[in-house]
Amino acid sequence: MLEWLKANWATLVVGAAVIAIVVLAVIKIVRDKKAGKSSCGCGCANCPMSGSCHKAAGTKK
């Protein structure tokens, strides 16, 4: 087992870094979604889907 770890440590480190980046990206997307931020970042003024993706935002009081 120790020999396998020695032979593959670089792959394991890179894999862990990629997994960490993906997890952080998913967390950011979930937080932005809960905060009501747009996922595309360009605003909704000229977006053809603005009526369907922000239906609930207009009904909040």
Protein backbone atom coordinates (compact mmCIF):
# COMPACT_ATOMS: atom_id res chain seq x y z
CA MET A 1 0.00 0.00 0.00
CA LEU A 2 2.78 2.43 0.89
CA GLU A 3 4.54 1.72 -2.40
CA TRP A 4 1.35 2.44 -4.32
CA LEU A 5 0.95 5.76 -2.50
CA LYS A 6 4.57 6.68 -3.26
CA ALA A 7 4.07 5.84 -6.93
CA ASN A 8 0.78 7.77 -7.25
CA TRP A 9 1.08 10.70 -4.84
CA ALA A 10 1.06 13.33 -7.59
CA THR A 11 -2.10 11.92 -9.15
CA LEU A 12 -3.79 11.82 -5.76
CA VAL A 13 -2.87 15.44 -5.01
CA VAL A 14 -4.12 16.67 -8.38
CA GLY A 15 -7.31 14.63 -8.05
CA ALA A 16 -7.95 16.03 -4.56
CA ALA A 17 -7.41 19.57 -5.86
CA VAL A 18 -9.86 19.03 -8.72
CA ILE A 19 -12.46 17.59 -6.36
CA ALA A 20 -12.00 20.55 -3.99
CA ILE A 21 -12.49 23.04 -6.83
CA VAL A 22 -15.66 21.29 -7.99
CA VAL A 23 -17.06 21.21 -4.44
CA LEU A 24 -16.32 24.92 -3.95
CA ALA A 25 -17.98 25.75 -7.28
CA VAL A 26 -21.11 23.80 -6.35
CA ILE A 27 -21.26 25.52 -2.94
CA LYS A 28 -20.97 28.93 -4.64
CA ILE A 29 -23.74 28.09 -7.11
CA VAL A 30 -26.05 26.88 -4.32
CA ARG A 31 -25.40 30.00 -2.21
CA ASP A 32 -26.00 32.30 -5.19
CA LYS A 33 -29.22 30.46 -6.04
CA LYS A 34 -30.49 30.79 -2.47
CA ALA A 35 -29.59 34.50 -2.49
CA GLY A 36 -31.61 34.98 -5.70
CA LYS A 37 -28.63 35.93 -7.85
CA SER A 38 -28.72 35.27 -11.57
CA SER A 39 -26.67 32.32 -12.72
CA CYS A 40 -25.56 33.95 -15.96
CA GLY A 41 -24.49 37.25 -14.41
CA CYS A 42 -25.67 39.43 -17.28
CA GLY A 43 -29.02 40.58 -15.92
CA CYS A 44 -32.53 39.78 -17.05
CA ALA A 45 -33.52 42.84 -19.07
CA ASN A 46 -33.12 41.20 -22.48
CA CYS A 47 -33.26 37.55 -21.47
CA PRO A 48 -36.04 35.54 -23.14
CA MET A 49 -36.22 33.25 -20.08
CA SER A 50 -36.48 35.99 -17.45
CA GLY A 51 -40.19 35.35 -16.90
CA SER A 52 -39.71 31.67 -16.16
CA CYS A 53 -36.60 31.72 -14.00
CA HIS A 54 -37.74 34.51 -11.66
CA LYS A 55 -41.42 33.72 -11.20
CA ALA A 56 -41.18 33.29 -7.44
CA ALA A 57 -39.15 36.49 -6.96
CA GLY A 58 -42.08 38.66 -8.02
CA THR A 59 -44.51 37.02 -5.61
CA LYS A 60 -42.46 37.68 -2.44
CA LYS A 61 -43.77 40.36 -0.10
